[in-house]
Amino acid sequence: MAHSDDNHLTGIPTLDIQSFINGDDAAKRAFASQLGEAYETIGFAAIHGHGISDDLIAQLYEESEAFFALPSEVKRQYARPETNNQRGFVSMGVEHAKDSDAADLKEFWQVGQPHPPASHDPAHFPSNNNVSERPEFQATAVRTFEALEELGQVVLRAIALHLGVKEDYFEPWVSGGNSILRAIHYPPITGEPNTAVRAGQHEDINLITLLVGASASGLEVLRNDNTWIPITALPEHIVVNVGDMLQRLTNHRLKSTTHRVVNPPRSEWSKPRFSMPFFCHPQPAMRLDAMQHLVPEGEDPAESPISAGEYLDQRLREIGLAK
């Protein structure tokens, strides 16, 4: 059920996913309806009761921090441009928001599907990297990937109920999907920044994004009235938002909300910021054509038909990760 008392802490609806996992039919439907309402209005919700261990998240933060502290020349050995930068290390200045030339002030590590479908195309599912300097980094990242993938499937079951399709609608596509866990490091700000943002305003590409509480504030969401509101996730919350693939599929009934990461107050410039989004993608063959029952009679769908794989390729070129 929604907990309105801590809404002021997050700026977004807060839901207990246990009511969906262990509740009766009425509790499941109530959760699905509250989640759906959040996604039709602001596109973001905070979820607690998810069961992902604090120790696992803390270990991933610790491993990420140690990896990003390695010398640049060591980190650069793990760059994988041939995977469209979908695996391994991506250095500062590579990625930018879709309609901006200004590079984001971050470096990151990408982990992909550890259990690809049996007949997968290696072009879509390249292998993951191990880091010899930090042998536990990849193992911890894979365990976190698996836990977040499982939670993402539960959230998508609730979304399917809200959309009036079978609860397991997304399962065959998302199980073994082309998802990405990204460990992001925004280094400390050492001089007067050229811009107020660390990551330019953008919408996510995928179906849904699960964000484990970032180590510092900075995430802001653009509301329907065109004002930016800060999103501060409490440590026990995972923030889940809608991406462009789900917006397309639902004929824009669910909103892929514009968001950005802004610089902290000057007093906190010396602190790095770490963030761990999990981008939940389906298998590349999934169609993103608008669901027929969500297109009003006599109208055309809001966007043209396309597969998830084609759409991902197109967007990776737009943000500078693919050439």
Protein backbone atom coordinates (compact mmCIF):
# COMPACT_ATOMS: atom_id res chain seq x y z
CA MET A 1 0.00 0.00 0.00
CA ALA A 2 1.09 3.59 -0.47
CA HIS A 3 2.68 5.30 2.52
CA SER A 4 1.75 8.94 2.16
CA ASP A 5 3.69 9.88 5.29
CA ASP A 6 7.06 9.45 3.56
CA ASN A 7 6.00 10.85 0.18
CA HIS A 8 7.47 14.21 1.22
CA LEU A 9 10.85 12.51 1.61
CA THR A 10 10.95 11.18 -1.91
CA GLY A 11 8.78 13.55 -3.93
CA ILE A 12 7.23 10.49 -5.57
CA PRO A 13 4.72 7.79 -4.53
CA THR A 14 6.15 5.14 -2.17
CA LEU A 15 4.83 1.58 -2.41
CA ASP A 16 5.43 -1.63 -0.48
CA ILE A 17 5.96 -4.39 -3.06
CA GLN A 18 5.32 -7.06 -0.41
CA SER A 19 1.60 -6.33 -0.82
CA PHE A 20 1.96 -7.49 -4.44
CA ILE A 21 4.28 -10.44 -3.77
CA ASN A 22 2.45 -11.89 -0.75
CA GLY A 23 -0.94 -10.14 -0.79
CA ASP A 24 -4.29 -11.57 -1.83
CA ASP A 25 -5.85 -10.74 -5.18
CA ALA A 26 -7.31 -7.43 -3.92
CA ALA A 27 -3.93 -6.33 -2.48
CA LYS A 28 -2.15 -7.22 -5.75
CA ARG A 29 -4.67 -5.24 -7.79
CA ALA A 30 -4.45 -2.27 -5.42
CA PHE A 31 -0.64 -2.24 -5.75
CA ALA A 32 -0.85 -2.53 -9.56
CA SER A 33 -3.35 0.32 -9.71
CA GLN A 34 -1.27 2.63 -7.47
CA LEU A 35 1.89 1.83 -9.44
CA GLY A 36 0.03 2.41 -12.72
CA GLU A 37 -1.27 5.75 -11.49
CA ALA A 38 2.28 6.81 -10.55
CA TYR A 39 3.49 5.82 -14.03
CA GLU A 40 0.64 7.62 -15.80
CA THR A 41 1.34 10.86 -13.92
CA ILE A 42 4.99 11.26 -12.89
CA GLY A 43 6.63 8.12 -14.35
CA PHE A 44 8.57 7.37 -11.11
CA ALA A 45 7.80 5.39 -7.91
CA ALA A 46 9.85 4.37 -4.86
CA ILE A 47 9.54 0.73 -3.82
CA HIS A 48 10.40 -0.84 -0.47
CA GLY A 49 9.96 -4.37 0.83
CA HIS A 50 11.92 -5.58 -2.23
CA GLY A 51 14.11 -8.03 -0.30
CA ILE A 52 17.41 -7.08 -1.97
CA SER A 53 20.07 -7.34 0.71
CA ASP A 54 21.66 -4.16 2.06
CA ASP A 55 24.92 -6.09 2.36
CA LEU A 56 24.93 -6.92 -1.35
CA ILE A 57 24.36 -3.27 -2.30
CA ALA A 58 27.01 -2.09 0.19
CA GLN A 59 29.48 -4.59 -1.25
CA LEU A 60 28.80 -3.40 -4.80
CA TYR A 61 29.35 0.23 -3.73
CA GLU A 62 32.61 -0.76 -2.04
CA GLU A 63 33.84 -2.73 -5.07
CA SER A 64 32.82 0.06 -7.48
CA GLU A 65 34.60 2.68 -5.41
CA ALA A 66 37.78 0.55 -5.40
CA PHE A 67 37.54 -0.04 -9.17
CA PHE A 68 37.06 3.64 -10.04
CA ALA A 69 40.01 4.54 -7.78
CA LEU A 70 42.34 2.50 -10.05
CA PRO A 71 44.65 4.49 -12.37
CA SER A 72 43.01 5.65 -15.62
CA GLU A 73 45.36 3.57 -17.77
CA VAL A 74 44.31 0.42 -15.87
CA LYS A 75 40.59 1.20 -16.23
CA ARG A 76 40.99 1.99 -19.94
CA GLN A 77 42.28 -1.55 -20.58
CA TYR A 78 38.73 -2.69 -19.79
CA ALA A 79 37.05 -0.46 -22.41
CA ARG A 80 34.94 -2.41 -24.92
CA PRO A 81 33.99 0.02 -27.72
CA GLU A 82 33.38 -2.99 -30.03
CA THR A 83 30.31 -3.84 -27.87
CA ASN A 84 28.90 -0.32 -28.47
CA ASN A 85 30.24 0.35 -24.96
CA GLN A 86 27.61 -2.03 -23.55
CA ARG A 87 30.20 -3.96 -21.52
CA GLY A 88 33.19 -3.01 -19.41
CA PHE A 89 34.55 0.48 -18.74
CA VAL A 90 33.29 3.69 -20.37
CA SER A 91 35.45 6.73 -19.65
CA MET A 92 34.46 10.33 -18.94
CA GLY A 93 33.20 12.30 -21.90
CA VAL A 94 31.89 9.41 -24.04
CA GLU A 95 28.16 9.55 -23.30
CA HIS A 96 25.93 12.60 -23.69
CA ALA A 97 22.18 13.22 -23.52
CA LYS A 98 20.30 12.60 -26.79
CA ASP A 99 19.83 16.22 -27.89
CA SER A 100 22.99 17.63 -26.35
CA ASP A 101 26.63 17.75 -27.44
CA ALA A 102 27.85 18.32 -23.86
CA ALA A 103 29.38 15.14 -22.48
CA ASP A 104 28.14 13.89 -19.11
CA LEU A 105 30.60 14.25 -16.20
CA LYS A 106 30.74 10.56 -15.32
CA GLU A 107 32.56 7.30 -15.98
CA PHE A 108 30.90 3.92 -15.64
CA TRP A 109 31.11 0.14 -15.73
CA GLN A 110 28.55 -1.92 -17.67
CA VAL A 111 27.49 -5.48 -16.85
CA GLY A 112 25.18 -7.37 -19.21
CA GLN A 113 23.03 -10.50 -19.09
CA PRO A 114 25.00 -13.30 -17.38
CA HIS A 115 22.45 -15.88 -18.63
CA PRO A 116 21.71 -15.06 -22.28
CA PRO A 117 19.04 -17.06 -24.17
CA ALA A 118 20.28 -20.38 -25.61
CA SER A 119 20.32 -19.28 -29.27
CA HIS A 120 21.46 -15.71 -28.64
CA ASP A 121 23.28 -13.48 -31.12
CA PRO A 122 26.68 -12.55 -29.57
CA ALA A 123 26.33 -9.10 -31.19
CA HIS A 124 23.44 -8.43 -28.79
CA PHE A 125 24.84 -10.39 -25.83
CA PRO A 126 28.63 -9.88 -25.64
CA SER A 127 30.44 -11.60 -22.76
CA ASN A 128 31.07 -9.75 -19.49
CA ASN A 129 34.50 -8.64 -18.24
CA ASN A 130 36.38 -9.69 -15.16
CA VAL A 131 38.68 -7.17 -13.47
CA SER A 132 41.88 -8.91 -12.42
CA GLU A 133 42.73 -6.10 -9.96
CA ARG A 134 39.32 -6.49 -8.22
CA PRO A 135 38.21 -10.11 -8.66
CA GLU A 136 35.10 -9.61 -6.48
CA PHE A 137 33.83 -6.62 -8.48
CA GLN A 138 32.28 -8.58 -11.35
CA ALA A 139 30.98 -11.40 -9.13
CA THR A 140 29.20 -8.87 -6.88
CA ALA A 141 27.85 -6.99 -9.91
CA VAL A 142 26.44 -10.23 -11.39
CA ARG A 143 24.71 -11.14 -8.10
CA THR A 144 23.19 -7.64 -7.99
CA PHE A 145 22.17 -7.94 -11.67
CA GLU A 146 20.33 -11.21 -10.93
CA ALA A 147 18.52 -9.75 -7.89
CA LEU A 148 17.44 -6.60 -9.75
CA GLU A 149 16.39 -8.58 -12.83
CA GLU A 150 14.11 -10.68 -10.62
CA LEU A 151 12.63 -7.58 -8.95
CA GLY A 152 12.13 -5.96 -12.37
CA GLN A 153 10.08 -8.96 -13.48
CA VAL A 154 7.81 -8.57 -10.43
CA VAL A 155 7.29 -4.85 -11.18
CA LEU A 156 6.49 -5.72 -14.81
CA ARG A 157 3.90 -8.27 -13.64
CA ALA A 158 2.14 -5.46 -11.72
CA ILE A 159 2.39 -3.18 -14.77
CA ALA A 160 0.87 -5.92 -16.98
CA LEU A 161 -2.10 -6.22 -14.59
CA HIS A 162 -2.58 -2.44 -14.66
CA LEU A 163 -2.52 -2.47 -18.48
CA GLY A 164 -5.19 -5.17 -18.62
CA VAL A 165 -3.00 -7.88 -20.19
CA LYS A 166 -1.96 -11.24 -18.71
CA GLU A 167 0.22 -10.91 -15.63
CA ASP A 168 3.06 -12.83 -17.29
CA TYR A 169 2.89 -10.77 -20.52
CA PHE A 170 6.49 -9.47 -20.20
CA GLU A 171 8.06 -12.61 -18.73
CA PRO A 172 9.09 -14.49 -21.92
CA TRP A 173 10.69 -11.30 -23.25
CA VAL A 174 12.42 -10.02 -20.12
CA SER A 175 13.71 -13.36 -18.86
CA GLY A 176 17.20 -13.50 -20.39
CA GLY A 177 16.64 -9.97 -21.75
CA ASN A 178 19.31 -7.56 -22.89
CA SER A 179 19.42 -5.71 -19.55
CA ILE A 180 22.35 -3.69 -18.23
CA LEU A 181 23.58 -2.97 -14.72
CA ARG A 182 25.61 0.22 -14.73
CA ALA A 183 27.91 1.30 -11.88
CA ILE A 184 28.40 5.07 -12.31
CA HIS A 185 31.07 7.29 -10.75
CA TYR A 186 30.66 11.06 -10.86
CA PRO A 187 34.11 12.29 -9.73
CA PRO A 188 34.48 15.17 -7.27
CA ILE A 189 34.16 18.63 -8.85
CA THR A 190 37.61 20.22 -8.73
CA GLY A 191 37.05 23.54 -10.54
CA GLU A 192 34.22 25.87 -11.50
CA PRO A 193 31.95 23.59 -13.62
CA ASN A 194 30.93 24.70 -17.15
CA THR A 195 27.41 23.50 -16.47
CA ALA A 196 25.06 22.93 -13.53
CA VAL A 197 24.43 19.33 -14.51
CA ARG A 198 26.51 16.17 -14.14
CA ALA A 199 24.22 14.19 -16.46
CA GLY A 200 22.08 16.09 -18.98
CA GLN A 201 18.31 15.83 -19.04
CA HIS A 202 17.21 12.62 -20.74
CA GLU A 203 14.72 9.79 -20.81
CA ASP A 204 15.81 6.17 -20.34
CA ILE A 205 15.78 3.87 -23.39
CA ASN A 206 14.59 0.62 -21.77
CA LEU A 207 11.30 -0.76 -20.36
CA ILE A 208 11.90 0.19 -16.70
CA THR A 209 14.92 1.37 -14.70
CA LEU A 210 15.58 0.25 -11.12
CA LEU A 211 17.83 2.65 -9.22
CA VAL A 212 19.45 1.53 -5.99
CA GLY A 213 19.77 4.58 -3.67
CA ALA A 214 22.55 6.84 -4.97
CA SER A 215 25.38 7.80 -2.60
CA ALA A 216 24.52 11.51 -2.86
CA SER A 217 21.55 13.61 -3.87
CA GLY A 218 21.31 15.19 -7.32
CA LEU A 219 18.60 13.27 -9.21
CA GLU A 220 15.80 15.57 -10.44
CA VAL A 221 12.61 14.75 -12.33
CA LEU A 222 10.68 17.05 -14.69
CA ARG A 223 7.03 17.20 -13.66
CA ASN A 224 4.09 17.74 -16.01
CA ASP A 225 3.94 21.41 -14.94
CA ASN A 226 7.54 21.83 -16.23
CA THR A 227 9.16 22.18 -12.79
CA TRP A 228 12.13 20.08 -11.67
CA ILE A 229 11.69 18.20 -8.38
CA PRO A 230 14.54 16.52 -6.48
CA ILE A 231 14.18 12.77 -5.87
CA THR A 232 15.88 11.57 -2.70
CA ALA A 233 15.57 7.82 -2.28
CA LEU A 234 15.70 6.56 1.28
CA PRO A 235 18.36 3.86 1.78
CA GLU A 236 15.76 1.04 1.85
CA HIS A 237 14.03 2.22 -1.33
CA ILE A 238 14.61 1.34 -4.95
CA VAL A 239 13.36 4.00 -7.37
CA VAL A 240 11.69 2.49 -10.43
CA ASN A 241 10.88 4.59 -13.50
CA VAL A 242 9.39 4.04 -16.94
CA GLY A 243 11.66 4.08 -20.01
CA ASP A 244 10.92 4.96 -23.63
CA MET A 245 10.36 1.32 -24.71
CA LEU A 246 7.46 0.96 -22.26
CA GLN A 247 6.12 4.39 -23.25
CA ARG A 248 6.06 3.27 -26.92
CA LEU A 249 4.51 -0.09 -26.10
CA THR A 250 1.70 1.54 -24.07
CA ASN A 251 1.03 4.22 -26.71
CA HIS A 252 2.28 6.87 -24.23
CA ARG A 253 -0.22 5.87 -21.53
CA LEU A 254 2.75 5.27 -19.19
CA LYS A 255 5.17 8.21 -19.10
CA SER A 256 8.91 8.02 -19.67
CA THR A 257 9.85 11.01 -17.54
CA THR A 258 12.68 13.41 -18.29
CA HIS A 259 15.30 13.43 -15.52
CA ARG A 260 18.85 14.72 -14.90
CA VAL A 261 21.61 14.73 -12.29
CA VAL A 262 22.58 18.20 -11.05
CA ASN A 263 25.76 19.31 -9.30
CA PRO A 264 25.67 19.28 -5.48
CA PRO A 265 26.03 22.46 -3.39
CA ARG A 266 29.59 23.81 -3.42
CA SER A 267 30.19 22.46 0.10
CA GLU A 268 29.86 18.92 -1.33
CA TRP A 269 31.95 19.36 -4.49
CA SER A 270 34.80 17.37 -2.95
CA LYS A 271 32.60 14.24 -2.65
CA PRO A 272 32.26 11.73 -5.49
CA ARG A 273 28.78 10.42 -6.34
CA PHE A 274 28.08 6.75 -7.06
CA SER A 275 24.89 5.44 -8.58
CA MET A 276 23.75 1.93 -9.67
CA PRO A 277 20.90 1.94 -12.21
CA PHE A 278 19.63 -1.37 -13.63
CA PHE A 279 18.20 -0.85 -17.13
CA CYS A 280 15.66 -3.60 -17.72
CA HIS A 281 15.58 -4.49 -21.44
CA PRO A 282 13.65 -7.21 -23.22
CA GLN A 283 15.16 -9.63 -25.71
CA PRO A 284 16.00 -7.79 -28.98
CA ALA A 285 13.20 -9.48 -30.99
CA MET A 286 10.40 -8.07 -28.81
CA ARG A 287 8.09 -5.75 -30.77
CA LEU A 288 7.51 -2.31 -29.27
CA ASP A 289 4.50 -1.57 -31.50
CA ALA A 290 1.73 0.07 -29.44
CA MET A 291 -0.58 -2.42 -27.71
CA GLN A 292 -3.69 -2.55 -29.87
CA HIS A 293 -6.16 -2.05 -26.99
CA LEU A 294 -4.37 1.15 -25.93
CA VAL A 295 -4.75 2.84 -29.34
CA PRO A 296 -8.11 4.69 -29.48
CA GLU A 297 -10.35 3.55 -32.32
CA GLY A 298 -9.75 5.43 -35.54
CA GLU A 299 -6.42 6.86 -34.35
CA ASP A 300 -2.87 5.97 -35.39
CA PRO A 301 -0.39 4.80 -32.72
CA ALA A 302 1.73 7.63 -31.25
CA GLU A 303 4.93 6.04 -32.66
CA SER A 304 5.88 3.79 -35.55
CA PRO A 305 6.43 -0.01 -35.19
CA ILE A 306 9.96 -1.13 -34.28
CA SER A 307 11.69 -4.01 -32.46
CA ALA A 308 13.55 -3.55 -29.16
CA GLY A 309 16.88 -4.42 -30.82
CA GLU A 310 16.44 -1.87 -33.64
CA TYR A 311 15.32 0.80 -31.19
CA LEU A 312 18.28 0.20 -28.87
CA ASP A 313 20.78 0.44 -31.76
CA GLN A 314 19.23 3.71 -32.91
CA ARG A 315 19.34 5.25 -29.42
CA LEU A 316 22.91 4.11 -28.64
CA ARG A 317 24.06 6.02 -31.72
CA GLU A 318 22.15 9.12 -30.59
CA ILE A 319 23.86 9.20 -27.16
CA GLY A 320 27.38 8.52 -28.50
CA LEU A 321 27.87 4.96 -27.20
CA ALA A 322 27.62 3.35 -30.67
CA LYS A 323 29.18 4.65 -33.84
